[in-house]
């Protein structure tokens, strides 16, 4: 199997898992009182798409840990990134990727840079 095909297969599996995990909460009726079902679905879709873009970038760059500790929240088109990344460049890249997702109106980047100490 070619390297590009392996990357694409991994990306598709990660994205599918993320989408299914977000939709399962909607099916189970886990909506908040102030959100409609459509808003919840839109938020879950945006969240999954951002997570998918971050995972795909990890795979493409062969750096599985770059965005591994990022929590993504979505609320009516506003995305918030929380967690840690190894470099300042990855902090900027995560925000850029999140902003590229369809439906994202703004991105709040609360990521902290925490370099990994090598032994």
PDB file of N, CA and C in Angstrom:
ATOM      1  N   UNK A   1       0.854  -1.164   0.000  1.00  0.00           N
ATOM      2  CA  UNK A   1       0.000   0.000   0.000  1.00  0.00           C
ATOM      3  C   UNK A   1       0.906   1.234   0.000  1.00  0.00           C
ATOM      4  N   UNK A   2       0.616   2.196  -0.854  1.00  0.00           N
ATOM      5  CA  UNK A   2       1.454   3.386  -0.929  1.00  0.00           C
ATOM      6  C   UNK A   2       1.292   4.242   0.323  1.00  0.00           C
ATOM      7  N   UNK A   3       2.288   5.055   0.561  1.00  0.00           N
ATOM      8  CA  UNK A   3       2.295   5.914   1.746  1.00  0.00           C
ATOM      9  C   UNK A   3       1.113   6.885   1.743  1.00  0.00           C
ATOM     10  N   UNK A   4       0.828   7.465   0.568  1.00  0.00           N
ATOM     11  CA  UNK A   4      -0.295   8.408   0.475  1.00  0.00           C
ATOM     12  C   UNK A   4      -1.629   7.717   0.717  1.00  0.00           C
ATOM     13  N   UNK A   5      -1.774   6.501   0.212  1.00  0.00           N
ATOM     14  CA  UNK A   5      -3.011   5.756   0.422  1.00  0.00           C
ATOM     15  C   UNK A   5      -3.183   5.409   1.899  1.00  0.00           C
ATOM     16  N   UNK A   6      -2.084   5.061   2.565  1.00  0.00           N
ATOM     17  CA  UNK A   6      -2.144   4.766   4.000  1.00  0.00           C
ATOM     18  C   UNK A   6      -2.545   6.006   4.783  1.00  0.00           C
ATOM     19  N   UNK A   7      -1.989   7.156   4.415  1.00  0.00           N
ATOM     20  CA  UNK A   7      -2.349   8.404   5.095  1.00  0.00           C
ATOM     21  C   UNK A   7      -3.831   8.704   4.920  1.00  0.00           C
ATOM     22  N   UNK A   8      -4.311   8.570   3.680  1.00  0.00           N
ATOM     23  CA  UNK A   8      -5.710   8.870   3.398  1.00  0.00           C
ATOM     24  C   UNK A   8      -6.613   7.902   4.142  1.00  0.00           C
ATOM     25  N   UNK A   9      -6.266   6.630   4.175  1.00  0.00           N
ATOM     26  CA  UNK A   9      -7.075   5.635   4.890  1.00  0.00           C
ATOM     27  C   UNK A   9      -7.148   5.970   6.372  1.00  0.00           C
ATOM     28  N   UNK A  10      -6.022   6.342   6.945  1.00  0.00           N
ATOM     29  CA  UNK A  10      -5.991   6.709   8.362  1.00  0.00           C
ATOM     30  C   UNK A  10      -6.842   7.939   8.618  1.00  0.00           C
ATOM     31  N   UNK A  11      -6.740   8.919   7.734  1.00  0.00           N
ATOM     32  CA  UNK A  11      -7.515  10.148   7.881  1.00  0.00           C
ATOM     33  C   UNK A  11      -9.001   9.840   7.838  1.00  0.00           C
ATOM     34  N   UNK A  12      -9.420   9.028   6.878  1.00  0.00           N
ATOM     35  CA  UNK A  12     -10.842   8.695   6.728  1.00  0.00           C
ATOM     36  C   UNK A  12     -11.353   7.981   7.971  1.00  0.00           C
ATOM     37  N   UNK A  13     -10.568   7.055   8.507  1.00  0.00           N
ATOM     38  CA  UNK A  13     -10.991   6.331   9.709  1.00  0.00           C
ATOM     39  C   UNK A  13     -11.116   7.266  10.907  1.00  0.00           C
ATOM     40  N   UNK A  14     -10.150   8.166  11.074  1.00  0.00           N
ATOM     41  CA  UNK A  14     -10.201   9.110  12.194  1.00  0.00           C
ATOM     42  C   UNK A  14     -11.408  10.029  12.048  1.00  0.00           C
ATOM     43  N   UNK A  15     -11.605  10.546  10.850  1.00  0.00           N
ATOM     44  CA  UNK A  15     -12.729  11.457  10.619  1.00  0.00           C
ATOM     45  C   UNK A  15     -14.061  10.754  10.842  1.00  0.00           C
ATOM     46  N   UNK A  16     -14.182   9.522  10.371  1.00  0.00           N
ATOM     47  CA  UNK A  16     -15.414   8.763  10.567  1.00  0.00           C
ATOM     48  C   UNK A  16     -15.688   8.535  12.048  1.00  0.00           C
ATOM     49  N   UNK A  17     -14.665   8.182  12.791  1.00  0.00           N
ATOM     50  CA  UNK A  17     -14.833   7.963  14.233  1.00  0.00           C
ATOM     51  C   UNK A  17     -15.264   9.242  14.928  1.00  0.00           C
ATOM     52  N   UNK A  18     -14.674  10.368  14.543  1.00  0.00           N
ATOM     53  CA  UNK A  18     -15.025  11.643  15.162  1.00  0.00           C
ATOM     54  C   UNK A  18     -16.465  12.040  14.853  1.00  0.00           C
ATOM     55  N   UNK A  19     -16.849  11.875  13.611  1.00  0.00           N
ATOM     56  CA  UNK A  19     -18.218  12.228  13.222  1.00  0.00           C
ATOM     57  C   UNK A  19     -19.223  11.344  13.937  1.00  0.00           C
ATOM     58  N   UNK A  20     -18.961  10.044  13.974  1.00  0.00           N
ATOM     59  CA  UNK A  20     -19.895   9.130  14.626  1.00  0.00           C
ATOM     60  C   UNK A  20     -19.997   9.402  16.121  1.00  0.00           C
ATOM     61  N   UNK A  21     -18.892   9.780  16.755  1.00  0.00           N
ATOM     62  CA  UNK A  21     -18.959  10.064  18.191  1.00  0.00           C
ATOM     63  C   UNK A  21     -19.785  11.317  18.458  1.00  0.00           C
ATOM     64  N   UNK A  22     -19.693  12.302  17.593  1.00  0.00           N
ATOM     65  CA  UNK A  22     -20.482  13.522  17.767  1.00  0.00           C
ATOM     66  C   UNK A  22     -21.950  13.311  17.507  1.00  0.00           C
ATOM     67  N   UNK A  23     -22.275  12.537  16.498  1.00  0.00           N
ATOM     68  CA  UNK A  23     -23.666  12.292  16.137  1.00  0.00           C
ATOM     69  C   UNK A  23     -24.341  11.376  17.151  1.00  0.00           C
ATOM     70  N   UNK A  24     -23.581  10.490  17.781  1.00  0.00           N
ATOM     71  CA  UNK A  24     -24.195   9.571  18.748  1.00  0.00           C
ATOM     72  C   UNK A  24     -24.824  10.325  19.916  1.00  0.00           C
ATOM     73  N   UNK A  25     -24.195  11.413  20.342  1.00  0.00           N
ATOM     74  CA  UNK A  25     -24.777  12.218  21.415  1.00  0.00           C
ATOM     75  C   UNK A  25     -26.082  12.855  21.003  1.00  0.00           C
ATOM     76  N   UNK A  26     -26.163  13.270  19.753  1.00  0.00           N
ATOM     77  CA  UNK A  26     -27.392  13.864  19.248  1.00  0.00           C
ATOM     78  C   UNK A  26     -28.508  12.823  19.192  1.00  0.00           C
ATOM     79  N   UNK A  27     -28.183  11.631  18.714  1.00  0.00           N
ATOM     80  CA  UNK A  27     -29.175  10.562  18.624  1.00  0.00           C
ATOM     81  C   UNK A  27     -29.675  10.181  20.013  1.00  0.00           C
ATOM     82  N   UNK A  28     -28.785  10.224  20.998  1.00  0.00           N
ATOM     83  CA  UNK A  28     -29.153   9.858  22.362  1.00  0.00           C
ATOM     84  C   UNK A  28     -29.957  10.954  23.055  1.00  0.00           C
ATOM     85  N   UNK A  29     -30.156  12.075  22.368  1.00  0.00           N
ATOM     86  CA  UNK A  29     -30.967  13.144  22.936  1.00  0.00           C
ATOM     87  C   UNK A  29     -30.219  14.053  23.887  1.00  0.00           C
ATOM     88  N   UNK A  30     -28.908  14.133  23.740  1.00  0.00           N
ATOM     89  CA  UNK A  30     -28.097  14.964  24.633  1.00  0.00           C
ATOM     90  C   UNK A  30     -28.016  16.395  24.120  1.00  0.00           C
ATOM     91  N   UNK A  31     -29.124  17.067  24.024  1.00  0.00           N
ATOM     92  CA  UNK A  31     -29.102  18.466  23.627  1.00  0.00           C
ATOM     93  C   UNK A  31     -29.347  19.326  24.848  1.00  0.00           C
ATOM     94  N   UNK A  32     -28.721  20.487  24.860  1.00  0.00           N
ATOM     95  CA  UNK A  32     -28.954  21.401  25.977  1.00  0.00           C
ATOM     96  C   UNK A  32     -30.233  22.175  25.717  1.00  0.00           C
ATOM     97  N   UNK A  33     -30.778  22.775  26.756  1.00  0.00           N
ATOM     98  CA  UNK A  33     -32.048  23.475  26.637  1.00  0.00           C
ATOM     99  C   UNK A  33     -31.976  24.691  25.727  1.00  0.00           C
ATOM    100  N   UNK A  34     -30.807  25.349  25.656  1.00  0.00           N
ATOM    101  CA  UNK A  34     -30.723  26.578  24.883  1.00  0.00           C
ATOM    102  C   UNK A  34     -30.289  26.339  23.428  1.00  0.00           C
ATOM    103  N   UNK A  35     -30.129  25.115  23.016  1.00  0.00           N
ATOM    104  CA  UNK A  35     -29.739  24.802  21.648  1.00  0.00           C
ATOM    105  C   UNK A  35     -30.812  23.976  20.968  1.00  0.00           C
ATOM    106  N   UNK A  36     -31.027  24.270  19.706  1.00  0.00           N
ATOM    107  CA  UNK A  36     -31.914  23.412  18.931  1.00  0.00           C
ATOM    108  C   UNK A  36     -31.113  22.200  18.475  1.00  0.00           C
ATOM    109  N   UNK A  37     -31.807  21.190  18.017  1.00  0.00           N
ATOM    110  CA  UNK A  37     -31.135  19.989  17.519  1.00  0.00           C
ATOM    111  C   UNK A  37     -30.239  20.323  16.328  1.00  0.00           C
ATOM    112  N   UNK A  38     -30.678  21.242  15.484  1.00  0.00           N
ATOM    113  CA  UNK A  38     -29.887  21.637  14.329  1.00  0.00           C
ATOM    114  C   UNK A  38     -28.606  22.352  14.759  1.00  0.00           C
ATOM    115  N   UNK A  39     -28.702  23.232  15.739  1.00  0.00           N
ATOM    116  CA  UNK A  39     -27.505  23.922  16.249  1.00  0.00           C
ATOM    117  C   UNK A  39     -26.529  22.921  16.854  1.00  0.00           C
ATOM    118  N   UNK A  40     -27.047  21.959  17.587  1.00  0.00           N
ATOM    119  CA  UNK A  40     -26.212  20.926  18.187  1.00  0.00           C
ATOM    120  C   UNK A  40     -25.502  20.127  17.099  1.00  0.00           C
ATOM    121  N   UNK A  41     -26.236  19.755  16.061  1.00  0.00           N
ATOM    122  CA  UNK A  41     -25.648  19.001  14.957  1.00  0.00           C
ATOM    123  C   UNK A  41     -24.587  19.835  14.246  1.00  0.00           C
ATOM    124  N   UNK A  42     -24.865  21.115  14.008  1.00  0.00           N
ATOM    125  CA  UNK A  42     -23.888  21.998  13.371  1.00  0.00           C
ATOM    126  C   UNK A  42     -22.626  22.105  14.221  1.00  0.00           C
ATOM    127  N   UNK A  43     -22.782  22.299  15.525  1.00  0.00           N
ATOM    128  CA  UNK A  43     -21.627  22.394  16.421  1.00  0.00           C
ATOM    129  C   UNK A  43     -20.821  21.100  16.420  1.00  0.00           C
ATOM    130  N   UNK A  44     -21.516  19.971  16.473  1.00  0.00           N
ATOM    131  CA  UNK A  44     -20.835  18.673  16.461  1.00  0.00           C
ATOM    132  C   UNK A  44     -20.106  18.452  15.144  1.00  0.00           C
ATOM    133  N   UNK A  45     -20.718  18.878  14.052  1.00  0.00           N
ATOM    134  CA  UNK A  45     -20.102  18.731  12.735  1.00  0.00           C
ATOM    135  C   UNK A  45     -18.848  19.596  12.628  1.00  0.00           C
ATOM    136  N   UNK A  46     -18.936  20.827  13.093  1.00  0.00           N
ATOM    137  CA  UNK A  46     -17.776  21.725  13.072  1.00  0.00           C
ATOM    138  C   UNK A  46     -16.668  21.163  13.949  1.00  0.00           C
ATOM    139  N   UNK A  47     -17.022  20.716  15.147  1.00  0.00           N
ATOM    140  CA  UNK A  47     -16.027  20.149  16.065  1.00  0.00           C
ATOM    141  C   UNK A  47     -15.319  18.957  15.424  1.00  0.00           C
ATOM    142  N   UNK A  48     -16.094  18.051  14.831  1.00  0.00           N
ATOM    143  CA  UNK A  48     -15.515  16.869  14.187  1.00  0.00           C
ATOM    144  C   UNK A  48     -14.633  17.254  13.004  1.00  0.00           C
ATOM    145  N   UNK A  49     -15.058  18.247  12.248  1.00  0.00           N
ATOM    146  CA  UNK A  49     -14.271  18.681  11.090  1.00  0.00           C
ATOM    147  C   UNK A  49     -12.938  19.295  11.526  1.00  0.00           C
ATOM    148  N   UNK A  50     -12.959  20.095  12.591  1.00  0.00           N
ATOM    149  CA  UNK A  50     -11.714  20.681  13.112  1.00  0.00           C
ATOM    150  C   UNK A  50     -10.804  19.567  13.620  1.00  0.00           C
ATOM    151  N   UNK A  51     -11.362  18.635  14.392  1.00  0.00           N
ATOM    152  CA  UNK A  51     -10.562  17.515  14.899  1.00  0.00           C
ATOM    153  C   UNK A  51      -9.990  16.697  13.743  1.00  0.00           C
ATOM    154  N   UNK A  52     -10.780  16.512  12.708  1.00  0.00           N
ATOM    155  CA  UNK A  52     -10.323  15.777  11.533  1.00  0.00           C
ATOM    156  C   UNK A  52      -9.184  16.478  10.819  1.00  0.00           C
ATOM    157  N   UNK A  53      -9.288  17.813  10.674  1.00  0.00           N
ATOM    158  CA  UNK A  53      -8.211  18.570  10.036  1.00  0.00           C
ATOM    159  C   UNK A  53      -6.929  18.496  10.857  1.00  0.00           C
ATOM    160  N   UNK A  54      -7.047  18.575  12.171  1.00  0.00           N
ATOM    161  CA  UNK A  54      -5.864  18.482  13.024  1.00  0.00           C
ATOM    162  C   UNK A  54      -5.231  17.088  12.912  1.00  0.00           C
ATOM    163  N   UNK A  55      -6.056  16.055  12.922  1.00  0.00           N
ATOM    164  CA  UNK A  55      -5.556  14.681  12.802  1.00  0.00           C
ATOM    165  C   UNK A  55      -4.907  14.461  11.435  1.00  0.00           C
ATOM    166  N   UNK A  56      -5.534  14.968  10.387  1.00  0.00           N
ATOM    167  CA  UNK A  56      -4.986  14.818   9.037  1.00  0.00           C
ATOM    168  C   UNK A  56      -3.634  15.516   8.922  1.00  0.00           C
ATOM    169  N   UNK A  57      -3.510  16.682   9.538  1.00  0.00           N
ATOM    170  CA  UNK A  57      -2.240  17.407   9.505  1.00  0.00           C
ATOM    171  C   UNK A  57      -1.165  16.622  10.248  1.00  0.00           C
ATOM    172  N   UNK A  58      -1.528  16.015  11.365  1.00  0.00           N
ATOM    173  CA  UNK A  58      -0.577  15.160  12.096  1.00  0.00           C
ATOM    174  C   UNK A  58      -0.081  14.036  11.197  1.00  0.00           C
ATOM    175  N   UNK A  59      -1.005  13.382  10.505  1.00  0.00           N
ATOM    176  CA  UNK A  59      -0.658  12.253   9.639  1.00  0.00           C
ATOM    177  C   UNK A  59       0.191  12.731   8.467  1.00  0.00           C
ATOM    178  N   UNK A  60      -0.222  13.814   7.844  1.00  0.00           N
ATOM    179  CA  UNK A  60       0.493  14.332   6.682  1.00  0.00           C
ATOM    180  C   UNK A  60       1.930  14.699   7.040  1.00  0.00           C
ATOM    181  N   UNK A  61       2.132  15.250   8.214  1.00  0.00           N
ATOM    182  CA  UNK A  61       3.463  15.675   8.633  1.00  0.00           C
ATOM    183  C   UNK A  61       4.199  14.615   9.445  1.00  0.00           C
ATOM    184  N   UNK A  62       3.578  13.441   9.566  1.00  0.00           N
ATOM    185  CA  UNK A  62       4.168  12.331  10.320  1.00  0.00           C
ATOM    186  C   UNK A  62       4.564  12.751  11.732  1.00  0.00           C
ATOM    187  N   UNK A  63       3.715  13.545  12.351  1.00  0.00           N
ATOM    188  CA  UNK A  63       3.945  14.008  13.718  1.00  0.00           C
ATOM    189  C   UNK A  63       2.660  13.781  14.501  1.00  0.00           C
ATOM    190  N   UNK A  64       2.460  12.569  14.958  1.00  0.00           N
ATOM    191  CA  UNK A  64       1.201  12.181  15.584  1.00  0.00           C
ATOM    192  C   UNK A  64       0.928  12.902  16.905  1.00  0.00           C
ATOM    193  N   UNK A  65       1.925  13.527  17.481  1.00  0.00           N
ATOM    194  CA  UNK A  65       1.738  14.166  18.779  1.00  0.00           C
ATOM    195  C   UNK A  65       1.513  15.679  18.687  1.00  0.00           C
ATOM    196  N   UNK A  66       1.695  16.280  17.515  1.00  0.00           N
ATOM    197  CA  UNK A  66       1.619  17.737  17.399  1.00  0.00           C
ATOM    198  C   UNK A  66       0.315  18.299  17.966  1.00  0.00           C
ATOM    199  N   UNK A  67      -0.802  17.702  17.591  1.00  0.00           N
ATOM    200  CA  UNK A  67      -2.098  18.210  18.015  1.00  0.00           C
ATOM    201  C   UNK A  67      -2.855  17.211  18.882  1.00  0.00           C
ATOM    202  N   UNK A  68      -2.132  16.284  19.492  1.00  0.00           N
ATOM    203  CA  UNK A  68      -2.757  15.202  20.261  1.00  0.00           C
ATOM    204  C   UNK A  68      -3.423  15.682  21.545  1.00  0.00           C
ATOM    205  N   UNK A  69      -2.982  16.810  22.084  1.00  0.00           N
ATOM    206  CA  UNK A  69      -3.505  17.273  23.366  1.00  0.00           C
ATOM    207  C   UNK A  69      -4.373  18.523  23.208  1.00  0.00           C
ATOM    208  N   UNK A  70      -5.097  18.590  22.102  1.00  0.00           N
ATOM    209  CA  UNK A  70      -5.976  19.731  21.861  1.00  0.00           C
ATOM    210  C   UNK A  70      -7.421  19.313  22.063  1.00  0.00           C
ATOM    211  N   UNK A  71      -8.133  20.100  22.859  1.00  0.00           N
ATOM    212  CA  UNK A  71      -9.576  19.921  23.028  1.00  0.00           C
ATOM    213  C   UNK A  71     -10.261  20.986  22.166  1.00  0.00           C
ATOM    214  N   UNK A  72     -11.223  20.555  21.383  1.00  0.00           N
ATOM    215  CA  UNK A  72     -11.955  21.457  20.495  1.00  0.00           C
ATOM    216  C   UNK A  72     -13.378  21.610  21.010  1.00  0.00           C
ATOM    217  N   UNK A  73     -13.816  22.851  21.125  1.00  0.00           N
ATOM    218  CA  UNK A  73     -15.206  23.140  21.480  1.00  0.00           C
ATOM    219  C   UNK A  73     -15.795  24.006  20.377  1.00  0.00           C
ATOM    220  N   UNK A  74     -17.061  23.793  20.062  1.00  0.00           N
ATOM    221  CA  UNK A  74     -17.746  24.594  19.047  1.00  0.00           C
ATOM    222  C   UNK A  74     -19.079  25.053  19.598  1.00  0.00           C
ATOM    223  N   UNK A  75     -19.356  26.316  19.401  1.00  0.00           N
ATOM    224  CA  UNK A  75     -20.609  26.912  19.891  1.00  0.00           C
ATOM    225  C   UNK A  75     -21.079  27.946  18.872  1.00  0.00           C
ATOM    226  N   UNK A  76     -22.082  27.574  18.096  1.00  0.00           N
ATOM    227  CA  UNK A  76     -22.698  28.477  17.108  1.00  0.00           C
ATOM    228  C   UNK A  76     -21.667  29.118  16.171  1.00  0.00           C
ATOM    229  N   UNK A  77     -20.754  28.300  15.676  1.00  0.00           N
ATOM    230  CA  UNK A  77     -19.767  28.774  14.716  1.00  0.00           C
ATOM    231  C   UNK A  77     -18.490  29.316  15.318  1.00  0.00           C
ATOM    232  N   UNK A  78     -18.453  29.435  16.633  1.00  0.00           N
ATOM    233  CA  UNK A  78     -17.236  29.879  17.319  1.00  0.00           C
ATOM    234  C   UNK A  78     -16.505  28.652  17.853  1.00  0.00           C
ATOM    235  N   UNK A  79     -15.247  28.531  17.488  1.00  0.00           N
ATOM    236  CA  UNK A  79     -14.437  27.392  17.905  1.00  0.00           C
ATOM    237  C   UNK A  79     -13.425  27.847  18.937  1.00  0.00           C
ATOM    238  N   UNK A  80     -13.274  27.057  19.997  1.00  0.00           N
ATOM    239  CA  UNK A  80     -12.275  27.323  21.031  1.00  0.00           C
ATOM    240  C   UNK A  80     -11.318  26.140  21.081  1.00  0.00           C
ATOM    241  N   UNK A  81     -10.023  26.448  21.039  1.00  0.00           N
ATOM    242  CA  UNK A  81      -8.981  25.433  21.133  1.00  0.00           C
ATOM    243  C   UNK A  81      -8.331  25.549  22.501  1.00  0.00           C
ATOM    244  N   UNK A  82      -8.332  24.453  23.265  1.00  0.00           N
ATOM    245  CA  UNK A  82      -7.696  24.400  24.587  1.00  0.00           C
ATOM    246  C   UNK A  82      -6.703  23.249  24.587  1.00  0.00           C
ATOM    247  N   UNK A  83      -5.664  23.381  25.408  1.00  0.00           N
ATOM    248  CA  UNK A  83      -4.687  22.302  25.534  1.00  0.00           C
ATOM    249  C   UNK A  83      -3.278  22.797  25.312  1.00  0.00           C
ATOM    250  N   UNK A  84      -2.397  21.869  24.946  1.00  0.00           N
ATOM    251  CA  UNK A  84      -0.991  22.211  24.750  1.00  0.00           C
ATOM    252  C   UNK A  84      -0.491  21.675  23.409  1.00  0.00           C
ATOM    253  N   UNK A  85       0.474  22.398  22.862  1.00  0.00           N
ATOM    254  CA  UNK A  85       1.178  21.998  21.646  1.00  0.00           C
ATOM    255  C   UNK A  85       2.672  22.176  21.903  1.00  0.00           C
ATOM    256  N   UNK A  86       3.514  21.437  21.154  1.00  0.00           N
ATOM    257  CA  UNK A  86       4.951  21.493  21.398  1.00  0.00           C
ATOM    258  C   UNK A  86       5.645  22.787  20.957  1.00  0.00           C
ATOM    259  N   UNK A  87       5.103  23.491  19.939  1.00  0.00           N
ATOM    260  CA  UNK A  87       5.798  24.683  19.434  1.00  0.00           C
ATOM    261  C   UNK A  87       4.818  25.823  19.165  1.00  0.00           C
ATOM    262  N   UNK A  88       5.358  27.032  19.102  1.00  0.00           N
ATOM    263  CA  UNK A  88       4.551  28.207  18.771  1.00  0.00           C
ATOM    264  C   UNK A  88       3.999  28.098  17.348  1.00  0.00           C
ATOM    265  N   UNK A  89       4.776  27.496  16.450  1.00  0.00           N
ATOM    266  CA  UNK A  89       4.324  27.322  15.067  1.00  0.00           C
ATOM    267  C   UNK A  89       3.100  26.415  15.014  1.00  0.00           C
ATOM    268  N   UNK A  90       3.075  25.379  15.833  1.00  0.00           N
ATOM    269  CA  UNK A  90       1.934  24.471  15.847  1.00  0.00           C
ATOM    270  C   UNK A  90       0.709  25.143  16.457  1.00  0.00           C
ATOM    271  N   UNK A  91       0.913  26.056  17.374  1.00  0.00           N
ATOM    272  CA  UNK A  91      -0.205  26.819  17.941  1.00  0.00           C
ATOM    273  C   UNK A  91      -0.867  27.645  16.839  1.00  0.00           C
ATOM    274  N   UNK A  92      -0.048  28.317  16.053  1.00  0.00           N
ATOM    275  CA  UNK A  92      -0.566  29.126  14.944  1.00  0.00           C
ATOM    276  C   UNK A  92      -1.220  28.230  13.895  1.00  0.00           C
ATOM    277  N   UNK A  93      -0.587  27.095  13.590  1.00  0.00           N
ATOM    278  CA  UNK A  93      -1.110  26.163  12.577  1.00  0.00           C
ATOM    279  C   UNK A  93      -2.468  25.607  12.995  1.00  0.00           C
ATOM    280  N   UNK A  94      -2.628  25.256  14.258  1.00  0.00           N
ATOM    281  CA  UNK A  94      -3.909  24.717  14.739  1.00  0.00           C
ATOM    282  C   UNK A  94      -5.023  25.746  14.543  1.00  0.00           C
ATOM    283  N   UNK A  95      -4.747  26.990  14.863  1.00  0.00           N
ATOM    284  CA  UNK A  95      -5.746  28.049  14.684  1.00  0.00           C
ATOM    285  C   UNK A  95      -6.085  28.235  13.209  1.00  0.00           C
ATOM    286  N   UNK A  96      -5.055  28.199  12.360  1.00  0.00           N
ATOM    287  CA  UNK A  96      -5.258  28.337  10.921  1.00  0.00           C
ATOM    288  C   UNK A  96      -6.142  27.211  10.386  1.00  0.00           C
ATOM    289  N   UNK A  97      -5.844  25.979  10.776  1.00  0.00           N
ATOM    290  CA  UNK A  97      -6.628  24.833  10.314  1.00  0.00           C
ATOM    291  C   UNK A  97      -8.076  24.928  10.779  1.00  0.00           C
ATOM    292  N   UNK A  98      -8.281  25.313  12.026  1.00  0.00           N
ATOM    293  CA  UNK A  98      -9.644  25.449  12.556  1.00  0.00           C
ATOM    294  C   UNK A  98     -10.421  26.503  11.766  1.00  0.00           C
ATOM    295  N   UNK A  99      -9.762  27.599  11.422  1.00  0.00           N
ATOM    296  CA  UNK A  99     -10.416  28.670  10.679  1.00  0.00           C
ATOM    297  C   UNK A  99     -10.795  28.293   9.260  1.00  0.00           C
ATOM    298  N   UNK A 100     -10.177  27.244   8.725  1.00  0.00           N
ATOM    299  CA  UNK A 100     -10.463  26.795   7.360  1.00  0.00           C
ATOM    300  C   UNK A 100     -11.729  25.939   7.266  1.00  0.00           C
ATOM    301  N   UNK A 101     -12.264  25.521   8.394  1.00  0.00           N
ATOM    302  CA  UNK A 101     -13.440  24.640   8.391  1.00  0.00           C
ATOM    303  C   UNK A 101     -14.696  25.437   8.043  1.00  0.00           C
ATOM    304  N   UNK A 102     -15.485  24.868   7.157  1.00  0.00           N
ATOM    305  CA  UNK A 102     -16.735  25.488   6.736  1.00  0.00           C
ATOM    306  C   UNK A 102     -17.651  25.696   7.948  1.00  0.00           C
ATOM    307  N   UNK A 103     -18.169  26.884   8.104  1.00  0.00           N
ATOM    308  CA  UNK A 103     -19.085  27.188   9.204  1.00  0.00           C
ATOM    309  C   UNK A 103     -18.427  27.856  10.392  1.00  0.00           C
ATOM    310  N   UNK A 104     -17.099  27.878  10.427  1.00  0.00           N
ATOM    311  CA  UNK A 104     -16.396  28.522  11.542  1.00  0.00           C
ATOM    312  C   UNK A 104     -16.375  30.030  11.306  1.00  0.00           C
ATOM    313  N   UNK A 105     -16.890  30.763  12.285  1.00  0.00           N
ATOM    314  CA  UNK A 105     -16.949  32.220  12.200  1.00  0.00           C
ATOM    315  C   UNK A 105     -15.765  32.872  12.905  1.00  0.00           C
ATOM    316  N   UNK A 106     -15.315  32.241  14.000  1.00  0.00           N
ATOM    317  CA  UNK A 106     -14.170  32.770  14.738  1.00  0.00           C
ATOM    318  C   UNK A 106     -13.498  31.639  15.499  1.00  0.00           C
ATOM    319  N   UNK A 107     -12.211  31.845  15.798  1.00  0.00           N
ATOM    320  CA  UNK A 107     -11.442  30.855  16.539  1.00  0.00           C
ATOM    321  C   UNK A 107     -10.786  31.546  17.727  1.00  0.00           C
ATOM    322  N   UNK A 108     -11.008  30.995  18.923  1.00  0.00           N
ATOM    323  CA  UNK A 108     -10.337  31.454  20.124  1.00  0.00           C
ATOM    324  C   UNK A 108      -9.241  30.439  20.426  1.00  0.00           C
ATOM    325  N   UNK A 109      -8.001  30.900  20.387  1.00  0.00           N
ATOM    326  CA  UNK A 109      -6.856  30.016  20.555  1.00  0.00           C
ATOM    327  C   UNK A 109      -6.311  30.145  21.974  1.00  0.00           C
ATOM    328  N   UNK A 110      -6.688  29.215  22.846  1.00  0.00           N
ATOM    329  CA  UNK A 110      -6.208  29.180  24.228  1.00  0.00           C
ATOM    330  C   UNK A 110      -5.078  28.171  24.406  1.00  0.00           C
ATOM    331  N   UNK A 111      -4.461  27.751  23.306  1.00  0.00           N
ATOM    332  CA  UNK A 111      -3.409  26.734  23.387  1.00  0.00           C
ATOM    333  C   UNK A 111      -2.169  27.286  24.077  1.00  0.00           C
ATOM    334  N   UNK A 112      -1.540  26.434  24.839  1.00  0.00           N
ATOM    335  CA  UNK A 112      -0.281  26.772  25.519  1.00  0.00           C
ATOM    336  C   UNK A 112       0.841  25.998  24.835  1.00  0.00           C
ATOM    337  N   UNK A 113       1.991  26.646  24.710  1.00  0.00           N
ATOM    338  CA  UNK A 113       3.165  25.978  24.158  1.00  0.00           C
ATOM    339  C   UNK A 113       3.924  25.337  25.289  1.00  0.00           C
ATOM    340  N   UNK A 114       4.117  24.029  25.176  1.00  0.00           N
ATOM    341  CA  UNK A 114       4.815  23.280  26.209  1.00  0.00           C
ATOM    342  C   UNK A 114       5.801  22.348  25.506  1.00  0.00           C
ATOM    343  N   UNK A 115       7.050  22.759  25.454  1.00  0.00           N
ATOM    344  CA  UNK A 115       8.040  21.962  24.765  1.00  0.00           C
ATOM    345  C   UNK A 115       8.280  20.656  25.489  1.00  0.00           C
ATOM    346  N   UNK A 116       8.522  19.625  24.704  1.00  0.00           N
ATOM    347  CA  UNK A 116       8.774  18.292  25.263  1.00  0.00           C
ATOM    348  C   UNK A 116      10.272  18.171  25.518  1.00  0.00           C
ATOM    349  N   UNK A 117      10.610  17.829  26.740  1.00  0.00           N
ATOM    350  CA  UNK A 117      12.014  17.651  27.102  1.00  0.00           C
ATOM    351  C   UNK A 117      12.445  16.255  26.696  1.00  0.00           C
ATOM    352  N   UNK A 118      13.529  16.211  25.948  1.00  0.00           N
ATOM    353  CA  UNK A 118      14.070  14.918  25.502  1.00  0.00           C
ATOM    354  C   UNK A 118      15.157  14.480  26.460  1.00  0.00           C
ATOM    355  N   UNK A 119      15.209  13.185  26.718  1.00  0.00           N
ATOM    356  CA  UNK A 119      16.215  12.654  27.633  1.00  0.00           C
ATOM    357  C   UNK A 119      17.386  12.107  26.875  1.00  0.00           C
TER     358      UNK A 119
END
